[in-house]
Protein backbone atom coordinates (compact mmCIF):
# COMPACT_ATOMS: atom_id res chain seq x y z
CA UNK A 1 0.00 0.00 0.00
CA UNK A 2 1.50 3.33 -1.07
CA UNK A 3 1.98 6.26 1.32
CA UNK A 4 -0.53 8.27 -0.70
CA UNK A 5 -3.15 5.54 -0.32
CA UNK A 6 -2.49 5.20 3.43
CA UNK A 7 -2.93 8.95 3.91
CA UNK A 8 -6.10 8.89 1.81
CA UNK A 9 -7.59 6.12 3.92
CA UNK A 10 -6.79 7.94 7.17
CA UNK A 11 -8.22 11.19 5.79
CA UNK A 12 -11.53 9.38 5.16
CA UNK A 13 -11.81 8.22 8.77
CA UNK A 14 -14.03 10.73 10.68
CA UNK A 15 -12.05 10.23 13.90
CA UNK A 16 -8.56 11.11 15.09
CA UNK A 17 -6.42 8.34 13.56
CA UNK A 18 -2.72 7.48 13.24
CA UNK A 19 -0.75 4.55 11.90
CA UNK A 20 2.36 3.04 13.54
CA UNK A 21 4.54 0.54 11.68
CA UNK A 22 7.10 -2.05 12.83
CA UNK A 23 9.75 0.63 13.32
CA UNK A 24 7.46 1.91 16.09
CA UNK A 25 7.17 5.27 14.38
CA UNK A 26 4.15 7.16 13.07
CA UNK A 27 3.87 6.74 9.33
CA UNK A 28 0.62 8.67 8.81
CA UNK A 29 -1.88 10.86 10.66
CA UNK A 30 -5.13 12.52 9.60
CA UNK A 31 -6.15 16.11 10.36
CA UNK A 32 -8.18 15.14 13.43
CA UNK A 33 -5.26 13.10 14.75
CA UNK A 34 -2.86 16.01 14.30
CA UNK A 35 -5.30 18.27 16.18
CA UNK A 36 -5.42 15.83 19.08
CA UNK A 37 -1.76 14.75 19.26
CA UNK A 38 0.02 17.69 17.71
CA UNK A 39 1.44 18.56 14.27
CA UNK A 40 4.51 17.06 12.63
CA UNK A 41 4.43 13.75 14.46
CA UNK A 42 5.04 11.60 11.36
CA UNK A 43 8.44 9.91 11.69
CA UNK A 44 8.56 10.23 15.47
CA UNK A 45 8.53 7.27 17.87
CA UNK A 46 4.98 6.73 19.19
CA UNK A 47 6.15 6.58 22.83
CA UNK A 48 7.36 10.21 22.66
CA UNK A 49 3.80 11.36 21.84
CA UNK A 50 1.55 8.77 23.46
CA UNK A 51 3.04 8.63 26.92
CA UNK A 52 0.21 6.79 28.66
CA UNK A 53 1.24 3.20 29.50
CA UNK A 54 -2.13 1.66 28.62
CA UNK A 55 -1.94 3.03 25.06
CA UNK A 56 1.78 2.38 24.44
CA UNK A 57 1.53 -1.18 25.77
CA UNK A 58 -1.48 -1.88 23.55
CA UNK A 59 0.39 -0.65 20.44
CA UNK A 60 3.50 -2.69 21.27
CA UNK A 61 1.46 -5.85 21.81
CA UNK A 62 -0.59 -5.35 18.64
CA UNK A 63 2.60 -4.94 16.61
CA UNK A 64 3.85 -8.23 18.07
CA UNK A 65 0.80 -10.50 17.89
CA UNK A 66 -1.37 -8.59 15.35
CA UNK A 67 -4.46 -8.83 17.58
CA UNK A 68 -7.08 -6.07 17.93
CA UNK A 69 -7.04 -4.18 21.22
CA UNK A 70 -8.73 -1.35 23.10
CA UNK A 71 -7.27 1.19 25.51
CA UNK A 72 -8.12 4.55 27.07
CA UNK A 73 -6.41 7.86 26.35
CA UNK A 74 -6.81 10.84 28.69
CA UNK A 75 -6.26 14.36 27.38
CA UNK A 76 -7.36 17.97 27.84
CA UNK A 77 -8.89 20.27 25.25
CA UNK A 78 -7.99 23.46 27.10
CA UNK A 79 -11.39 23.73 28.78
CA UNK A 80 -11.85 20.33 30.39
CA UNK A 81 -10.33 16.88 30.76
CA UNK A 82 -11.31 14.53 27.92
CA UNK A 83 -11.45 10.76 27.64
CA UNK A 84 -10.93 8.77 24.43
CA UNK A 85 -11.53 5.12 23.70
CA UNK A 86 -8.61 3.89 21.59
CA UNK A 87 -9.22 1.08 19.07
CA UNK A 88 -6.22 -0.71 17.53
CA UNK A 89 -6.32 -2.86 14.38
CA UNK A 90 -3.39 -4.49 12.55
CA UNK A 91 -2.98 -3.76 8.82
CA UNK A 92 -0.70 -6.17 6.91
CA UNK A 93 1.70 -5.23 4.12
CA UNK A 94 2.24 -1.56 4.96
CA UNK A 95 5.05 0.40 6.57
CA UNK A 96 8.72 1.05 5.96
CA UNK A 97 9.65 -2.62 6.15
CA UNK A 98 6.34 -3.91 4.72
CA UNK A 99 5.89 -5.88 7.91
CA UNK A 100 2.54 -4.34 8.70
CA UNK A 101 1.34 -1.50 10.88
CA UNK A 102 -1.22 -0.76 13.55
CA UNK A 103 -4.11 1.61 12.83
CA UNK A 104 -4.98 3.57 16.00
CA UNK A 105 -8.35 5.40 16.17
CA UNK A 106 -9.52 7.66 19.00
CA UNK A 107 -13.23 7.97 19.88
CA UNK A 108 -14.19 10.83 22.21
CA UNK A 109 -16.29 9.36 25.04
CA UNK A 110 -16.07 12.38 27.35
CA UNK A 111 -19.83 13.01 27.30
CA UNK A 112 -20.52 9.35 28.07
CA UNK A 113 -18.05 9.38 30.97
CA UNK A 114 -19.50 12.61 32.35
CA UNK A 115 -23.05 11.26 32.13
CA UNK A 116 -21.98 8.08 33.91
CA UNK A 117 -20.25 10.11 36.63
CA UNK A 118 -23.33 12.31 37.02
CA UNK A 119 -25.51 9.23 37.51
CA UNK A 120 -23.13 7.87 40.14
CA UNK A 121 -22.98 11.22 41.91
CA UNK A 122 -26.76 11.56 41.77
CA UNK A 123 -27.36 8.15 43.33
CA UNK A 124 -24.72 8.84 46.00
CA UNK A 125 -26.21 12.25 46.81
CA UNK A 126 -29.79 10.98 46.99
CA UNK A 127 -28.69 8.10 49.21
CA UNK A 128 -26.85 10.51 51.50
CA UNK A 129 -29.73 13.00 51.64
CA UNK A 130 -32.21 10.24 52.56
CA UNK A 131 -29.91 8.34 54.90
CA UNK A 132 -29.41 11.30 57.26
CA UNK A 133 -33.10 11.83 58.19
CA UNK A 134 -33.77 8.09 58.15
CA UNK A 135 -30.94 7.50 60.63
CA UNK A 136 -32.34 10.25 62.86
CA UNK A 137 -35.84 8.77 62.70
CA UNK A 138 -34.62 5.29 63.55
CA UNK A 139 -32.62 6.64 66.50
CA UNK A 140 -35.58 8.56 67.92
CA UNK A 141 -37.92 5.60 67.46
CA UNK A 142 -35.48 3.40 69.37
CA UNK A 143 -35.24 6.02 72.15
CA UNK A 144 -39.02 6.39 72.39
CA UNK A 145 -39.37 2.64 72.74
CA UNK A 146 -36.77 2.57 75.50
CA UNK A 147 -35.49 5.27 77.83
CA UNK A 148 -38.04 7.94 76.83
CA UNK A 149 -41.08 5.64 76.82
CA UNK A 150 -42.68 7.36 79.82
CA UNK A 151 -41.09 10.80 79.47
CA UNK A 152 -43.82 13.05 78.04
CA UNK A 153 -41.54 16.08 77.48
CA UNK A 154 -38.87 14.06 75.70
CA UNK A 155 -41.52 12.31 73.63
CA UNK A 156 -43.01 15.61 72.41
CA UNK A 157 -39.55 17.00 71.63
CA UNK A 158 -38.50 13.90 69.72
CA UNK A 159 -41.78 13.72 67.80
CA UNK A 160 -41.34 17.34 66.70
CA UNK A 161 -37.85 16.55 65.39
CA UNK A 162 -39.13 13.41 63.67
CA UNK A 163 -41.84 15.45 61.98
CA UNK A 164 -39.20 17.86 60.68
CA UNK A 165 -37.04 15.05 59.32
CA UNK A 166 -40.04 13.37 57.66
CA UNK A 167 -41.01 16.72 56.09
CA UNK A 168 -37.46 17.07 54.78
CA UNK A 169 -37.64 13.66 53.11
CA UNK A 170 -41.04 14.56 51.66
CA UNK A 171 -39.64 17.79 50.18
CA UNK A 172 -36.68 15.91 48.73
CA UNK A 173 -38.91 13.30 47.06
CA UNK A 174 -41.17 16.08 45.74
CA UNK A 175 -38.21 17.95 44.26
CA UNK A 176 -36.84 14.76 42.70
CA UNK A 177 -40.19 14.09 41.03
CA UNK A 178 -40.38 17.70 39.89
CA UNK A 179 -36.84 17.57 38.46
CA UNK A 180 -37.62 14.34 36.60
CA UNK A 181 -40.81 15.83 35.14
CA UNK A 182 -39.05 19.02 34.04
CA UNK A 183 -36.20 17.10 32.40
CA UNK A 184 -38.67 14.88 30.49
CA UNK A 185 -40.38 17.99 29.05
CA UNK A 186 -37.24 20.05 28.42
CA UNK A 187 -37.26 19.57 24.65
CA UNK A 188 -40.92 20.57 24.30
CA UNK A 189 -41.18 24.34 24.04
CA UNK A 190 -44.30 25.79 25.74
CA UNK A 191 -46.79 27.63 23.52
CA UNK A 192 -49.38 28.97 25.97
CA UNK A 193 -49.31 32.76 26.42
CA UNK A 194 -49.19 33.91 30.04
CA UNK A 195 -49.12 37.33 31.69
CA UNK A 196 -45.81 37.47 33.53
CA UNK A 197 -46.83 40.53 35.56
CA UNK A 198 -49.80 38.70 37.07
CA UNK A 199 -47.68 35.65 37.81
CA UNK A 200 -45.11 37.75 39.66
CA UNK A 201 -47.84 39.51 41.64
CA UNK A 202 -49.36 36.15 42.59
CA UNK A 203 -45.97 34.73 43.60
CA UNK A 204 -45.12 37.74 45.75
CA UNK A 205 -48.52 37.64 47.43
CA UNK A 206 -48.06 33.97 48.35
CA UNK A 207 -44.60 34.71 49.81
CA UNK A 208 -45.61 37.80 51.80
CA UNK A 209 -46.03 35.79 55.04
CA UNK A 210 -42.46 34.47 54.71
CA UNK A 211 -41.19 38.01 54.07
CA UNK A 212 -43.05 39.40 57.08
CA UNK A 213 -41.81 36.59 59.34
CA UNK A 214 -38.22 37.44 58.39
CA UNK A 215 -38.71 41.18 58.55
CA UNK A 216 -37.87 41.57 54.86
CA UNK A 217 -39.41 44.13 52.52
CA UNK A 218 -40.57 42.47 49.30
CA UNK A 219 -40.92 44.95 46.42
CA UNK A 220 -42.15 44.46 42.84
CA UNK A 221 -41.13 46.88 40.10
CA UNK A 222 -43.06 45.95 36.93
CA UNK A 223 -45.02 47.62 34.11
CA UNK A 224 -48.65 48.43 34.85
CA UNK A 225 -49.75 46.72 31.63
CA UNK A 226 -49.76 42.95 30.88
CA UNK A 227 -46.50 41.45 29.61
CA UNK A 228 -47.22 38.20 27.79
CA UNK A 229 -44.69 35.47 27.00
CA UNK A 230 -44.98 31.85 25.79
CA UNK A 231 -44.63 29.81 28.98
CA UNK A 232 -45.88 26.91 31.07
CA UNK A 233 -47.77 28.78 33.83
CA UNK A 234 -47.03 26.25 36.58
CA UNK A 235 -43.35 25.99 35.74
CA UNK A 236 -42.78 29.72 35.39
CA UNK A 237 -44.47 30.18 38.78
CA UNK A 238 -42.11 27.57 40.21
CA UNK A 239 -39.05 29.42 38.85
CA UNK A 240 -39.89 32.70 40.55
CA UNK A 241 -41.20 31.06 43.71
CA UNK A 242 -37.83 29.30 44.11
CA UNK A 243 -35.75 32.39 43.34
CA UNK A 244 -37.74 34.80 45.52
CA UNK A 245 -38.01 32.28 48.37
CA UNK A 246 -34.23 31.78 48.29
CA UNK A 247 -33.70 35.54 48.37
CA UNK A 248 -35.99 35.84 51.39
CA UNK A 249 -34.23 33.01 53.23
CA UNK A 250 -30.66 34.04 52.51
CA UNK A 251 -31.03 37.76 51.73
CA UNK A 252 -31.06 40.83 53.92
CA UNK A 253 -33.59 43.55 54.63
CA UNK A 254 -34.95 44.07 51.11
CA UNK A 255 -35.74 41.81 48.16
CA UNK A 256 -36.62 43.56 44.89
CA UNK A 257 -38.20 41.90 41.86
CA UNK A 258 -37.68 44.00 38.73
CA UNK A 259 -39.39 43.19 35.41
CA UNK A 260 -38.03 44.92 32.29
CA UNK A 261 -39.24 44.53 28.68
CA UNK A 262 -36.38 44.42 26.15
CA UNK A 263 -36.80 45.25 22.46
CA UNK A 264 -33.94 42.84 21.74
CA UNK A 265 -31.70 40.74 23.93
CA UNK A 266 -28.22 40.11 22.45
CA UNK A 267 -28.00 36.55 23.82
CA UNK A 268 -31.48 35.45 22.71
CA UNK A 269 -31.41 37.60 19.54
CA UNK A 270 -35.07 38.51 19.90
CA UNK A 271 -37.49 40.58 21.96
CA UNK A 272 -37.38 39.41 25.55
CA UNK A 273 -38.30 40.09 29.16
CA UNK A 274 -35.80 40.33 32.00
CA UNK A 275 -36.72 39.55 35.59
CA UNK A 276 -34.15 40.32 38.28
CA UNK A 277 -34.45 39.08 41.87
CA UNK A 278 -32.16 41.33 43.87
CA UNK A 279 -31.32 41.06 47.58
CA UNK A 280 -28.99 43.03 49.84
CA UNK A 281 -27.90 40.04 51.92
CA UNK A 282 -24.44 38.61 52.66
CA UNK A 283 -23.90 37.60 49.04
CA UNK A 284 -22.25 34.50 47.58
CA UNK A 285 -18.55 33.88 47.15
CA UNK A 286 -17.88 34.06 43.36
CA UNK A 287 -16.10 30.68 43.57
CA UNK A 288 -19.51 29.04 44.06
CA UNK A 289 -21.36 30.78 41.20
CA UNK A 290 -20.48 28.37 38.33
CA UNK A 291 -21.81 25.39 40.32
CA UNK A 292 -24.95 26.84 41.90
CA UNK A 293 -27.31 25.05 39.48
CA UNK A 294 -25.73 21.62 40.00
CA UNK A 295 -27.89 19.05 41.77
CA UNK A 296 -27.33 19.00 45.53
CA UNK A 297 -24.66 21.72 45.36
CA UNK A 298 -24.95 24.17 48.25
CA UNK A 299 -22.83 27.28 48.78
CA UNK A 300 -23.63 27.09 52.52
CA UNK A 301 -24.39 23.45 53.23
CA UNK A 302 -25.19 23.74 56.94
CA UNK A 303 -27.43 26.79 56.62
CA UNK A 304 -29.27 25.35 53.61
CA UNK A 305 -30.17 22.20 55.53
CA UNK A 306 -31.32 24.24 58.54
CA UNK A 307 -33.65 26.26 56.29
CA UNK A 308 -35.12 23.13 54.71
CA UNK A 309 -33.32 23.28 51.37
CA UNK A 310 -32.96 20.11 49.31
CA UNK A 311 -30.17 21.34 47.03
CA UNK A 312 -32.35 20.83 43.94
CA UNK A 313 -34.19 24.14 43.65
CA UNK A 314 -31.78 25.92 41.32
CA UNK A 315 -31.27 22.75 39.24
CA UNK A 316 -35.04 22.71 38.65
CA UNK A 317 -34.97 26.43 37.82
CA UNK A 318 -32.18 25.89 35.27
CA UNK A 319 -34.04 23.10 33.45
CA UNK A 320 -37.30 25.07 33.34
CA UNK A 321 -35.53 28.11 31.90
CA UNK A 322 -33.79 25.88 29.34
CA UNK A 323 -37.19 24.53 28.30
CA UNK A 324 -38.38 28.11 27.79
CA UNK A 325 -35.22 28.85 25.70
CA UNK A 326 -34.16 31.46 28.23
CA UNK A 327 -31.04 32.35 30.20
CA UNK A 328 -30.19 32.39 33.90
CA UNK A 329 -27.42 34.63 35.20
CA UNK A 330 -26.14 35.02 38.74
CA UNK A 331 -24.08 37.96 39.97
CA UNK A 332 -22.82 38.26 43.53
CA UNK A 333 -19.93 39.23 45.75
CA UNK A 334 -19.48 38.62 49.45
CA UNK A 335 -21.14 41.36 51.45
CA UNK A 336 -22.84 42.91 48.42
CA UNK A 337 -26.00 40.84 47.99
CA UNK A 338 -26.95 38.74 44.97
CA UNK A 339 -28.83 39.26 41.72
CA UNK A 340 -30.49 36.36 39.92
CA UNK A 341 -31.48 37.38 36.37
CA UNK A 342 -33.92 35.40 34.23
CA UNK A 343 -34.22 36.37 30.54
CA UNK A 344 -37.11 34.84 28.58
CA UNK A 345 -38.12 35.32 24.93
CA UNK A 346 -41.39 37.05 24.15
């Protein structure tokens, strides 16, 4: 097989691909392979480029016994770590000494690995979140059956704690079901027209008791005329209930909800509405901002649990906004409050 034909075959492979012959040097590489491994690698020994033992050992063994093999190659694309599945196949009659060569193809399985890791993390987090209240309940039940059987004060105190733990599990299950429902509908864009002003007024009215209990002023700044957008009314209510409730729990003396109509939003490239939930509380350390919408991620783990948070609220918000083809932005600095901005197309 001529060098021109070898290069033509590799160029037709829609994956990063290289070929190593019996001299243990690269004899050909396609464009994708050069992007992954670097330019001008033809003629160099494969071990100087592919330094990972699993890959180099697989190539050496395939050159010796001509058997197909698989390996894993770890890399980085400048933004994140990447994982490739490496497939090796022996090709007879090619190479400098015509003794055959090994074709090495790289398949990017980063998304698959990340999805698998997310599933493992999700199961671990759910198990942990449920195990804590369950352990508490079992301990109190054992105590009530034993030492506190005839102690009325202890019984009432323990039953109150058990009620709180059971409520926490109920909220967690409810949020898990809500998250599953939202994810299943994420690709279906809502078509019903709803008045966002009325929804915000209704949400604020329902949260007034929470604001009064915390001594927080809850203020709405919105147009006096209806502002209609295509939306799922229940889900859009859930978004602003979660955001405003969080601001009331973690914010300071004032929470402002500001609705602005935009002729054109640069990110959405269309007419849009912007709703900002602004508080003057202690703020959030910027290091936490990129991860706030991850499932079970909490910037203040202890305080969130004390206030009844499940760690799923902002994940639900993110998926609902994605379904509505909108954007969620979070701006905050320690000691300067936080602003959660939702932008939705009209």
